[in-house]
């Protein structure tokens, strides 16, 4: 994108309100009087919690059940700041009290199976939840073994930290224990994967930690790609702050890792070169969360094709899928998109159960990344359905390459405003 939209905190809040603007068009007293239905939502992150909330807002008479094993959900967005020492891990945690106050039944169990013909979800405790409509927001799982040597056991030695939780604290512990002079290696995957700019913000935040705590250390990014989101902006920031710390190696320069020895904290690249790390952070190939497979909504890619107007599965009726698990390009796999997609899906479900057509769908996305304290960058996109496909329309943009320090400081502040706003919109509680 060549144009830039400068988002203030007020505009960020407006975007959250307008993301999936159709979701706001159905919350009327008349519609609330329509016949109720049973909706089960699996997954309590940006997509699932938002869907449950807006289903109840759309029709309070709906019986909405949210299935999420974690009593407190920890977000991936802003977790990278924890590695820099700029944010505590607990600040990423959110609960479900507001959803309960709205009348959502919250069940802290794992969804183990879906009967898409009999329309029921089987929980880890054995109970079956019947549904008229099902919303899946399962996030990602990993293609264990797709990268030779990297499986679940290896992740306990060389953490991915691409799902917030124990992996996050493990990687932070390893970083804190890294000797000054050690090398932190970040293995970045090929597309598609959760949060396109995520590995590069992580590199920035780890580099900030190195610069302030362990100045003799280095950071090496071994990348399976030739380019990445906001690349020019990231590299400008790295040159400004971390020129002697960060080295990025693209696939064409032998950056593609093909084998991992987690015990030795060593990786081997496509052309046979080996790299030894003091801390090894491997972000492996990904796919939709496992419950999507059990529901029969994934295709051969491992991701979920959806009908753009409603985010209903393209393969199974009455199952809507939102968030990272979906095939929704050009929309990225981001928390903002999950939130926006959930509002569109909720609007479509409320309309369908009331015997109405789904409202016209639209979405927006803004992704802020922090390169250094008081130095932020962003990318924004606006999306609509054209000829049955999701397309990006005018109205988005990236931060300008030439910008003042004050501009970058404002972008960093807008990022904080974005996180607080979307957390409140999703879970209803401001972060600690």
Protein backbone atom coordinates (compact mmCIF):
# COMPACT_ATOMS: atom_id res chain seq x y z
CA UNK A 1 0.00 0.00 0.00
CA UNK A 2 1.35 3.36 -1.00
CA UNK A 3 -0.90 5.71 0.95
CA UNK A 4 -0.83 6.31 4.68
CA UNK A 5 -3.61 6.87 7.16
CA UNK A 6 -2.47 8.41 10.43
CA UNK A 7 -4.63 6.90 13.16
CA UNK A 8 -5.23 8.76 16.39
CA UNK A 9 -6.45 6.93 19.47
CA UNK A 10 -9.92 8.28 18.75
CA UNK A 11 -9.72 6.91 15.20
CA UNK A 12 -8.53 3.57 16.56
CA UNK A 13 -11.61 3.38 18.76
CA UNK A 14 -13.75 4.32 15.77
CA UNK A 15 -12.15 1.56 13.72
CA UNK A 16 -12.98 -0.96 16.43
CA UNK A 17 -16.55 0.26 16.30
CA UNK A 18 -16.60 0.15 12.52
CA UNK A 19 -14.83 -3.16 12.04
CA UNK A 20 -17.53 -5.32 10.62
CA UNK A 21 -19.81 -2.30 10.71
CA UNK A 22 -22.75 -4.51 9.81
CA UNK A 23 -22.52 -6.05 13.27
CA UNK A 24 -23.96 -2.87 14.70
CA UNK A 25 -26.91 -2.68 12.35
CA UNK A 26 -28.84 -5.57 13.86
CA UNK A 27 -28.94 -4.64 17.55
CA UNK A 28 -32.53 -3.39 17.65
CA UNK A 29 -35.40 -4.02 20.07
CA UNK A 30 -37.49 -5.51 17.25
CA UNK A 31 -34.89 -8.09 16.36
CA UNK A 32 -34.40 -9.03 20.00
CA UNK A 33 -38.00 -10.26 19.99
CA UNK A 34 -37.32 -12.87 17.29
CA UNK A 35 -37.16 -16.58 18.09
CA UNK A 36 -34.09 -17.69 19.99
CA UNK A 37 -31.55 -20.29 18.93
CA UNK A 38 -28.57 -22.16 20.36
CA UNK A 39 -25.10 -20.98 19.39
CA UNK A 40 -21.90 -22.61 20.62
CA UNK A 41 -18.65 -20.67 20.29
CA UNK A 42 -15.34 -22.53 20.57
CA UNK A 43 -12.31 -20.44 21.50
CA UNK A 44 -12.14 -17.45 23.85
CA UNK A 45 -9.64 -15.21 22.09
CA UNK A 46 -10.14 -12.10 19.97
CA UNK A 47 -12.46 -13.97 17.61
CA UNK A 48 -14.44 -16.24 19.90
CA UNK A 49 -15.00 -13.87 22.83
CA UNK A 50 -16.03 -11.10 20.44
CA UNK A 51 -18.45 -13.42 18.63
CA UNK A 52 -20.08 -14.50 21.89
CA UNK A 53 -20.41 -10.91 23.06
CA UNK A 54 -21.91 -9.59 19.83
CA UNK A 55 -24.26 -12.53 19.44
CA UNK A 56 -25.77 -11.62 22.80
CA UNK A 57 -25.83 -7.96 21.90
CA UNK A 58 -27.52 -8.80 18.61
CA UNK A 59 -30.23 -10.94 20.22
CA UNK A 60 -30.20 -11.28 24.03
CA UNK A 61 -32.62 -14.24 23.76
CA UNK A 62 -30.03 -16.42 22.05
CA UNK A 63 -28.58 -19.22 24.15
CA UNK A 64 -24.85 -18.58 23.68
CA UNK A 65 -22.22 -20.91 25.15
CA UNK A 66 -18.51 -20.11 24.98
CA UNK A 67 -16.12 -23.06 25.29
CA UNK A 68 -12.60 -22.10 26.37
CA UNK A 69 -10.33 -24.19 28.61
CA UNK A 70 -8.39 -21.22 30.02
CA UNK A 71 -10.03 -19.23 32.80
CA UNK A 72 -7.76 -16.35 31.92
CA UNK A 73 -6.82 -15.75 28.29
CA UNK A 74 -3.37 -14.38 27.46
CA UNK A 75 -3.01 -12.52 24.20
CA UNK A 76 -0.16 -12.75 21.72
CA UNK A 77 -0.38 -9.06 20.69
CA UNK A 78 1.90 -7.00 22.96
CA UNK A 79 3.55 -10.13 24.36
CA UNK A 80 6.75 -9.19 22.51
CA UNK A 81 7.03 -6.17 24.80
CA UNK A 82 7.39 -8.61 27.69
CA UNK A 83 10.67 -9.85 26.22
CA UNK A 84 11.97 -6.30 26.18
CA UNK A 85 11.05 -5.80 29.83
CA UNK A 86 8.50 -3.14 28.89
CA UNK A 87 5.39 -5.04 29.96
CA UNK A 88 4.56 -7.78 32.47
CA UNK A 89 3.14 -11.04 31.25
CA UNK A 90 0.09 -10.65 33.48
CA UNK A 91 -0.86 -7.47 31.60
CA UNK A 92 -1.74 -9.77 28.69
CA UNK A 93 -4.36 -11.66 30.68
CA UNK A 94 -8.13 -11.22 30.36
CA UNK A 95 -11.12 -12.94 31.95
CA UNK A 96 -14.72 -13.61 31.02
CA UNK A 97 -16.76 -11.84 33.72
CA UNK A 98 -18.41 -9.38 31.34
CA UNK A 99 -19.52 -12.16 29.01
CA UNK A 100 -21.15 -13.90 31.94
CA UNK A 101 -22.88 -10.64 32.91
CA UNK A 102 -24.26 -10.44 29.39
CA UNK A 103 -25.75 -13.91 29.79
CA UNK A 104 -23.16 -15.98 27.95
CA UNK A 105 -22.60 -19.42 29.47
CA UNK A 106 -18.82 -19.84 29.77
CA UNK A 107 -17.56 -23.43 29.96
CA UNK A 108 -13.90 -23.93 30.87
CA UNK A 109 -13.34 -27.22 29.08
CA UNK A 110 -11.67 -28.31 25.87
CA UNK A 111 -13.78 -28.94 22.78
CA UNK A 112 -12.65 -32.38 21.66
CA UNK A 113 -14.93 -33.14 18.72
CA UNK A 114 -17.68 -31.80 16.47
CA UNK A 115 -20.52 -33.80 14.96
CA UNK A 116 -21.34 -31.54 12.02
CA UNK A 117 -24.31 -33.68 10.96
CA UNK A 118 -25.88 -34.17 14.38
CA UNK A 119 -24.86 -30.60 15.29
CA UNK A 120 -23.15 -31.10 18.62
CA UNK A 121 -19.79 -30.33 20.25
CA UNK A 122 -18.22 -32.92 22.56
CA UNK A 123 -16.33 -31.49 25.53
CA UNK A 124 -13.29 -32.94 27.26
CA UNK A 125 -15.52 -33.96 30.17
CA UNK A 126 -17.72 -36.00 27.84
CA UNK A 127 -20.74 -33.70 27.73
CA UNK A 128 -22.26 -32.87 24.33
CA UNK A 129 -23.47 -29.37 23.53
CA UNK A 130 -26.13 -29.20 20.80
CA UNK A 131 -26.15 -26.19 18.51
CA UNK A 132 -28.13 -24.54 15.76
CA UNK A 133 -25.09 -22.51 14.75
CA UNK A 134 -21.45 -23.11 15.66
CA UNK A 135 -18.65 -20.53 15.70
CA UNK A 136 -15.09 -21.81 15.70
CA UNK A 137 -12.23 -19.51 16.60
CA UNK A 138 -9.56 -22.15 17.18
CA UNK A 139 -6.45 -20.10 16.42
CA UNK A 140 -3.45 -22.05 15.20
CA UNK A 141 -1.76 -25.36 15.73
CA UNK A 142 1.68 -26.32 14.51
CA UNK A 143 2.78 -28.68 11.78
CA UNK A 144 4.97 -30.69 14.09
CA UNK A 145 7.72 -32.42 12.15
CA UNK A 146 7.26 -30.31 9.01
CA UNK A 147 10.54 -28.71 10.02
CA UNK A 148 12.89 -31.66 10.57
CA UNK A 149 13.70 -32.16 14.23
CA UNK A 150 11.10 -29.75 15.55
CA UNK A 151 8.24 -31.39 17.43
CA UNK A 152 6.40 -30.77 20.68
CA UNK A 153 9.30 -32.10 22.74
CA UNK A 154 11.75 -29.87 20.89
CA UNK A 155 9.57 -26.85 21.69
CA UNK A 156 10.35 -27.37 25.37
CA UNK A 157 14.03 -26.74 24.58
CA UNK A 158 13.72 -24.28 21.71
CA UNK A 159 10.42 -22.51 22.38
CA UNK A 160 8.23 -21.04 19.67
CA UNK A 161 6.28 -18.76 22.04
CA UNK A 162 3.71 -18.30 19.24
CA UNK A 163 0.85 -19.16 21.58
CA UNK A 164 0.87 -16.97 24.69
CA UNK A 165 1.30 -18.91 27.92
CA UNK A 166 3.97 -21.29 29.23
CA UNK A 167 5.97 -20.94 26.01
CA UNK A 168 6.15 -17.18 26.56
CA UNK A 169 7.50 -17.50 30.07
CA UNK A 170 9.93 -20.22 28.97
CA UNK A 171 11.45 -18.05 26.24
CA UNK A 172 11.68 -15.07 28.61
CA UNK A 173 13.44 -17.24 31.19
CA UNK A 174 15.94 -18.43 28.58
CA UNK A 175 16.54 -14.86 27.41
CA UNK A 176 17.18 -13.68 30.96
CA UNK A 177 19.62 -16.55 31.48
CA UNK A 178 21.49 -15.99 28.18
CA UNK A 179 25.14 -15.12 28.80
CA UNK A 180 26.30 -11.72 27.59
CA UNK A 181 27.93 -12.45 24.26
CA UNK A 182 25.48 -15.19 23.32
CA UNK A 183 23.53 -15.34 20.08
CA UNK A 184 19.73 -15.29 20.01
CA UNK A 185 18.49 -17.02 16.84
CA UNK A 186 14.95 -16.45 15.60
CA UNK A 187 13.72 -18.84 12.90
CA UNK A 188 10.96 -17.15 10.87
CA UNK A 189 8.51 -19.30 8.86
CA UNK A 190 7.23 -19.05 5.32
CA UNK A 191 3.74 -17.67 4.69
CA UNK A 192 1.02 -18.04 5.83
CA UNK A 193 1.38 -17.72 9.57
CA UNK A 194 -0.13 -15.91 12.53
CA UNK A 195 0.76 -12.20 12.73
CA UNK A 196 2.92 -11.40 9.68
CA UNK A 197 4.97 -8.65 11.43
CA UNK A 198 5.23 -10.62 14.68
CA UNK A 199 8.69 -12.18 14.25
CA UNK A 200 10.19 -8.81 13.35
CA UNK A 201 8.65 -6.96 16.27
CA UNK A 202 9.94 -9.79 18.48
CA UNK A 203 13.42 -9.35 17.02
CA UNK A 204 13.17 -5.62 17.76
CA UNK A 205 12.09 -6.15 21.36
CA UNK A 206 14.72 -8.81 22.02
CA UNK A 207 17.31 -6.50 20.47
CA UNK A 208 16.21 -3.74 22.85
CA UNK A 209 16.69 -6.15 25.75
CA UNK A 210 20.14 -7.11 24.43
CA UNK A 211 21.13 -3.46 23.95
CA UNK A 212 20.18 -2.53 27.50
CA UNK A 213 21.04 -5.74 29.39
CA UNK A 214 23.54 -7.82 27.39
CA UNK A 215 25.31 -5.50 24.94
CA UNK A 216 27.85 -8.07 23.77
CA UNK A 217 25.13 -10.36 22.44
CA UNK A 218 23.76 -10.60 18.89
CA UNK A 219 20.47 -11.52 17.23
CA UNK A 220 20.24 -13.52 14.02
CA UNK A 221 17.01 -13.85 12.03
CA UNK A 222 16.99 -16.85 9.69
CA UNK A 223 14.02 -16.35 7.37
CA UNK A 224 12.26 -18.75 5.00
CA UNK A 225 10.99 -15.72 3.01
CA UNK A 226 12.41 -13.02 0.78
CA UNK A 227 10.35 -10.20 2.28
CA UNK A 228 8.05 -9.50 5.18
CA UNK A 229 5.38 -7.12 6.47
CA UNK A 230 6.51 -3.51 6.99
CA UNK A 231 10.01 -4.58 5.95
CA UNK A 232 11.35 -1.16 5.00
CA UNK A 233 10.08 0.40 8.22
CA UNK A 234 11.53 -2.37 10.36
CA UNK A 235 14.90 -2.24 8.65
CA UNK A 236 15.04 1.54 8.99
CA UNK A 237 14.38 1.14 12.70
CA UNK A 238 16.98 -1.60 13.05
CA UNK A 239 19.57 0.58 11.34
CA UNK A 240 18.74 3.41 13.74
CA UNK A 241 18.74 1.40 16.97
CA UNK A 242 20.29 -2.03 16.46
CA UNK A 243 22.71 -1.83 13.53
CA UNK A 244 25.37 -3.81 15.40
CA UNK A 245 22.92 -6.30 16.96
CA UNK A 246 20.40 -7.58 14.36
CA UNK A 247 21.30 -9.55 11.24
CA UNK A 248 18.49 -10.65 8.91
CA UNK A 249 19.18 -13.46 6.42
CA UNK A 250 16.51 -14.05 3.73
CA UNK A 251 15.94 -17.37 1.97
CA UNK A 252 18.01 -16.35 -1.08
CA UNK A 253 21.03 -15.83 1.16
CA UNK A 254 20.61 -19.20 2.88
CA UNK A 255 18.21 -18.10 5.59
CA UNK A 256 15.78 -21.00 5.21
CA UNK A 257 16.17 -23.44 8.11
CA UNK A 258 15.54 -27.09 7.17
CA UNK A 259 16.65 -28.92 10.31
CA UNK A 260 16.60 -28.20 14.05
CA UNK A 261 18.62 -29.81 16.84
CA UNK A 262 16.83 -28.38 19.82
CA UNK A 263 18.99 -30.13 22.39
CA UNK A 264 22.14 -28.64 20.91
CA UNK A 265 20.32 -25.37 20.12
CA UNK A 266 21.60 -25.65 16.59
CA UNK A 267 19.93 -25.22 13.20
CA UNK A 268 20.93 -26.18 9.67
CA UNK A 269 20.00 -24.11 6.64
CA UNK A 270 19.04 -25.20 3.12
CA UNK A 271 22.62 -25.12 1.83
CA UNK A 272 24.07 -26.98 4.79
CA UNK A 273 25.31 -24.15 6.99
CA UNK A 274 24.95 -24.66 10.73
CA UNK A 275 24.24 -21.99 13.31
CA UNK A 276 24.63 -22.39 17.07
CA UNK A 277 22.46 -20.38 19.46
CA UNK A 278 22.53 -19.51 23.12
CA UNK A 279 18.76 -19.07 22.83
CA UNK A 280 16.87 -20.65 19.96
CA UNK A 281 13.38 -19.35 19.11
CA UNK A 282 11.77 -21.41 16.35
CA UNK A 283 8.47 -20.24 14.82
CA UNK A 284 7.36 -23.39 12.94
CA UNK A 285 4.92 -23.88 10.04
CA UNK A 286 1.31 -23.58 11.14
CA UNK A 287 -2.25 -24.67 10.38
CA UNK A 288 -5.74 -24.15 11.78
CA UNK A 289 -6.42 -25.28 15.36
CA UNK A 290 -7.20 -28.99 15.64
CA UNK A 291 -10.93 -28.62 16.32
CA UNK A 292 -11.30 -27.22 12.79
CA UNK A 293 -10.09 -30.58 11.47
CA UNK A 294 -12.52 -32.41 13.72
CA UNK A 295 -15.35 -30.26 12.41
CA UNK A 296 -14.44 -31.07 8.80
CA UNK A 297 -13.95 -27.46 7.77
CA UNK A 298 -10.27 -27.48 6.76
CA UNK A 299 -9.06 -28.20 3.24
CA UNK A 300 -5.79 -29.68 1.99
CA UNK A 301 -3.91 -26.51 2.96
CA UNK A 302 -4.68 -27.09 6.64
CA UNK A 303 -6.62 -23.82 6.82
CA UNK A 304 -10.36 -23.08 6.60
CA UNK A 305 -12.04 -21.74 3.43
CA UNK A 306 -15.00 -19.50 4.27
CA UNK A 307 -17.79 -17.66 2.52
CA UNK A 308 -16.58 -14.04 2.61
CA UNK A 309 -19.96 -12.42 3.27
CA UNK A 310 -20.67 -14.41 6.46
CA UNK A 311 -17.51 -16.36 7.35
CA UNK A 312 -19.57 -19.52 7.24
CA UNK A 313 -17.52 -22.57 6.33
CA UNK A 314 -17.37 -23.14 2.58
CA UNK A 315 -17.57 -26.89 3.30
CA UNK A 316 -20.00 -27.38 6.20
CA UNK A 317 -23.29 -25.54 6.72
CA UNK A 318 -24.06 -23.71 9.97
CA UNK A 319 -20.42 -23.56 11.08
CA UNK A 320 -18.77 -20.16 11.02
CA UNK A 321 -15.01 -19.84 11.43
CA UNK A 322 -13.17 -16.64 12.35
CA UNK A 323 -9.63 -15.55 13.12
CA UNK A 324 -6.24 -17.01 12.31
CA UNK A 325 -7.62 -20.39 11.20
CA UNK A 326 -9.33 -18.96 8.12
CA UNK A 327 -8.31 -18.42 4.52
CA UNK A 328 -9.23 -14.74 4.27
CA UNK A 329 -6.41 -13.11 2.31
CA UNK A 330 -5.70 -10.27 1.76
CA UNK A 331 -6.76 -9.90 5.40
CA UNK A 332 -3.82 -10.85 7.63
CA UNK A 333 -3.99 -13.32 10.49
CA UNK A 334 -4.22 -10.71 13.24
CA UNK A 335 -6.14 -10.10 16.44
CA UNK A 336 -7.85 -7.06 14.94
CA UNK A 337 -9.05 -9.11 11.95
CA UNK A 338 -10.34 -11.87 14.24
CA UNK A 339 -12.34 -9.29 16.17
CA UNK A 340 -13.74 -7.77 12.97
CA UNK A 341 -14.55 -11.14 11.40
CA UNK A 342 -16.35 -12.21 14.57
CA UNK A 343 -18.66 -9.21 14.40
CA UNK A 344 -19.55 -10.00 10.80
CA UNK A 345 -20.17 -13.66 11.63
CA UNK A 346 -22.29 -12.72 14.65
CA UNK A 347 -24.39 -10.37 12.52
CA UNK A 348 -24.88 -13.07 9.91
CA UNK A 349 -25.91 -15.67 12.51
CA UNK A 350 -28.40 -13.36 14.23
CA UNK A 351 -29.90 -12.49 10.86
CA UNK A 352 -30.08 -16.12 9.74
CA UNK A 353 -31.79 -17.29 12.92
CA UNK A 354 -34.28 -14.46 12.48
CA UNK A 355 -34.96 -15.46 8.88
CA UNK A 356 -33.20 -12.46 7.41
CA UNK A 357 -30.35 -11.97 4.98
CA UNK A 358 -26.92 -11.18 6.37
CA UNK A 359 -25.97 -7.50 6.44
CA UNK A 360 -23.33 -6.26 4.02
CA UNK A 361 -19.90 -7.16 5.35
CA UNK A 362 -16.86 -4.92 5.69
CA UNK A 363 -13.74 -5.05 7.83
CA UNK A 364 -10.77 -2.98 8.87
CA UNK A 365 -7.41 -3.86 10.35
CA UNK A 366 -4.65 -1.88 12.00
CA UNK A 367 -1.41 -3.45 13.15
CA UNK A 368 1.02 -1.50 15.30
CA UNK A 369 4.56 -2.71 15.91
CA UNK A 370 7.08 -1.37 18.40
CA UNK A 371 10.70 -1.21 17.29
CA UNK A 372 12.02 0.64 20.34
CA UNK A 373 10.45 2.50 23.26
CA UNK A 374 8.63 5.52 21.80
CA UNK A 375 9.26 4.30 18.23
CA UNK A 376 6.24 2.65 16.62
CA UNK A 377 5.16 1.82 13.07
CA UNK A 378 1.82 0.69 11.64
CA UNK A 379 -0.05 -0.74 8.71
CA UNK A 380 -3.79 -0.45 8.13
CA UNK A 381 -6.21 -2.02 5.70
CA UNK A 382 -9.89 -1.75 4.77
CA UNK A 383 -11.69 -4.68 3.14
CA UNK A 384 -14.97 -5.42 1.38
CA UNK A 385 -16.52 -8.24 -0.62
CA UNK A 386 -16.35 -7.66 -4.37
CA UNK A 387 -17.57 -10.32 -6.83
CA UNK A 388 -17.61 -12.90 -4.06
CA UNK A 389 -14.06 -12.26 -2.88
CA UNK A 390 -12.50 -10.26 -0.08
CA UNK A 391 -10.56 -7.35 -1.54
CA UNK A 392 -8.57 -4.51 -0.03
CA UNK A 393 -9.92 -1.08 -0.88
CA UNK A 394 -8.54 2.43 -0.54
CA UNK A 395 -8.37 3.80 2.95
CA UNK A 396 -5.43 1.93 4.48
CA UNK A 397 -1.71 2.53 4.37
CA UNK A 398 1.60 2.19 6.13
CA UNK A 399 3.63 4.61 8.21
CA UNK A 400 5.71 6.92 6.00
CA UNK A 401 9.36 5.94 5.65
CA UNK A 402 10.37 9.54 6.35
CA UNK A 403 8.82 10.54 9.66
CA UNK A 404 9.87 12.53 12.68
CA UNK A 405 10.73 11.07 16.06
CA UNK A 406 7.54 12.69 17.36
CA UNK A 407 5.51 10.84 14.73
CA UNK A 408 7.08 7.52 15.74
CA UNK A 409 6.40 8.32 19.39
CA UNK A 410 2.75 8.97 18.61
CA UNK A 411 2.50 5.68 16.70
CA UNK A 412 3.84 3.88 19.79
CA UNK A 413 1.19 5.61 21.90
CA UNK A 414 -1.54 4.75 19.40
CA UNK A 415 -0.48 1.13 19.66
CA UNK A 416 -1.13 1.17 23.41
CA UNK A 417 -4.49 2.83 22.77
CA UNK A 418 -5.33 0.17 20.20
CA UNK A 419 -4.54 -2.67 22.59
CA UNK A 420 -6.55 -1.18 25.45
CA UNK A 421 -9.50 -0.51 23.14
CA UNK A 422 -9.63 -3.93 21.53
CA UNK A 423 -9.15 -5.68 24.87
CA UNK A 424 -12.10 -3.77 26.28
CA UNK A 425 -14.17 -4.42 23.16
CA UNK A 426 -13.42 -8.16 23.27
CA UNK A 427 -13.43 -9.03 26.98
CA UNK A 428 -14.87 -5.85 28.45
CA UNK A 429 -12.13 -5.30 30.97
CA UNK A 430 -9.30 -2.85 30.73
CA UNK A 431 -5.87 -4.52 31.06
CA UNK A 432 -4.08 -4.13 34.36
